[in-house]
Protein backbone atom coordinates (compact mmCIF):
# COMPACT_ATOMS: atom_id res chain seq x y z
CA MET A 1 47.04 12.61 26.37
CA LEU A 2 46.03 9.61 24.39
CA ASN A 3 42.94 9.47 22.70
CA LEU A 4 40.85 6.65 22.03
CA THR A 5 37.81 5.79 19.99
CA PRO A 6 34.26 5.48 21.11
CA ALA A 7 34.91 1.24 20.53
CA GLN A 8 38.00 1.02 22.28
CA ARG A 9 36.52 2.98 25.71
CA ARG A 10 33.66 0.69 25.47
CA PHE A 11 36.22 -2.18 25.10
CA LEU A 12 38.39 -0.89 28.09
CA ARG A 13 35.06 -0.13 30.03
CA ALA A 14 33.97 -3.62 29.81
CA GLN A 15 37.53 -5.02 30.87
CA ALA A 16 37.81 -2.85 33.69
CA HIS A 17 34.51 -3.84 34.96
CA ALA A 18 35.78 -6.68 37.12
CA LEU A 19 38.93 -4.73 38.40
CA ASN A 20 39.27 -3.39 41.86
CA PRO A 21 41.01 0.41 42.70
CA VAL A 22 45.07 -0.22 42.82
CA VAL A 23 45.51 3.78 43.87
CA LEU A 24 43.57 5.24 46.46
CA ILE A 25 43.76 9.45 46.50
CA GLY A 26 43.61 10.51 50.09
CA ASP A 27 42.54 14.24 51.26
CA ALA A 28 46.36 15.22 50.33
CA GLY A 29 45.52 14.81 46.74
CA LEU A 30 47.71 14.20 44.19
CA THR A 31 51.00 14.16 45.61
CA GLU A 32 54.21 13.30 43.63
CA ALA A 33 54.36 9.78 45.55
CA VAL A 34 50.77 9.19 44.08
CA MET A 35 51.65 10.02 40.55
CA LYS A 36 54.65 7.43 40.96
CA GLU A 37 52.43 4.97 42.21
CA ILE A 38 49.91 5.48 39.36
CA GLU A 39 52.67 5.49 36.71
CA ARG A 40 54.17 1.80 38.27
CA SER A 41 50.61 0.40 37.91
CA LEU A 42 49.96 1.70 34.57
CA ASP A 43 53.23 0.26 33.55
CA SER A 44 52.37 -3.34 34.80
CA HIS A 45 48.95 -3.66 34.34
CA GLU A 46 47.98 -1.00 31.63
CA LEU A 47 44.50 -0.66 32.56
CA ILE A 48 43.73 0.76 36.14
CA LYS A 49 40.99 1.90 38.65
CA ILE A 50 41.84 4.62 40.95
CA LYS A 51 39.54 5.59 43.61
CA ILE A 52 39.54 9.23 45.15
CA ALA A 53 38.48 9.91 48.92
CA GLY A 54 37.39 13.19 48.65
CA GLY A 55 36.68 16.46 46.54
CA GLY A 56 33.86 17.50 44.03
CA HIS A 57 33.05 16.57 40.58
CA GLU A 58 35.13 18.97 39.01
CA GLN A 59 38.31 18.63 41.23
CA ARG A 60 38.16 14.94 40.44
CA GLU A 61 37.79 15.72 36.59
CA LYS A 62 41.01 18.30 36.96
CA MET A 63 42.71 15.12 38.81
CA LEU A 64 42.19 12.89 35.84
CA THR A 65 43.07 15.41 33.37
CA GLU A 66 46.47 16.01 35.22
CA ILE A 67 47.12 12.60 35.44
CA CYS A 68 46.37 11.59 31.72
CA SER A 69 48.43 14.23 30.44
CA THR A 70 51.19 14.10 32.90
CA LEU A 71 51.55 10.39 32.21
CA GLU A 72 50.41 10.13 28.44
CA ALA A 73 47.52 7.99 29.39
CA ALA A 74 43.95 8.04 28.22
CA PRO A 75 40.77 8.65 30.42
CA VAL A 76 38.56 5.72 29.96
CA GLN A 77 35.61 6.64 32.48
CA HIS A 78 34.57 8.70 35.28
CA ILE A 79 31.59 7.40 37.50
CA GLY A 80 31.47 8.77 41.07
CA LYS A 81 34.92 8.67 42.73
CA THR A 82 36.17 6.08 40.66
CA LEU A 83 38.58 6.55 37.75
CA VAL A 84 39.58 4.20 34.82
CA ILE A 85 42.79 5.03 33.15
CA TYR A 86 44.72 3.26 30.28
CA LYS A 87 48.29 3.51 28.83
CA ALA A 88 49.73 0.65 26.43
CA ALA A 89 52.62 -0.87 27.74
CA LYS A 90 55.76 -1.74 25.71
CA LYS A 91 54.54 -5.04 25.07
CA PRO A 92 50.49 -4.49 25.17
CA LYS A 93 48.64 -7.21 27.03
CA LEU A 94 45.17 -5.67 25.97
CA VAL A 95 44.36 -5.52 22.10
CA LEU A 96 42.19 -2.71 21.34
CA PRO A 97 39.68 -3.01 18.47
CA LYS A 98 40.65 -0.75 15.38
CA ALA A 99 37.86 1.79 15.32
């Protein structure tokens, strides 16, 4: 899992504010197809929002951890049923603050 400094996390939260969710996780949960779609979205956008339809806070937190550890991404934010995740592209579009 990628680690971010508080300044980088704050910068990414500000960038994500205007974004709409690109992946919706339904009642079936975190399936292989959903993981592939998240990976594709991260490859093309770097910073994405994910909306989760059901489950409690702990279940959503587990999903966030599983997504980030599997895809080597960084959790940026978890508010309600919305997750924000970042993974730098091969040619990064976003320039993160140093510290």
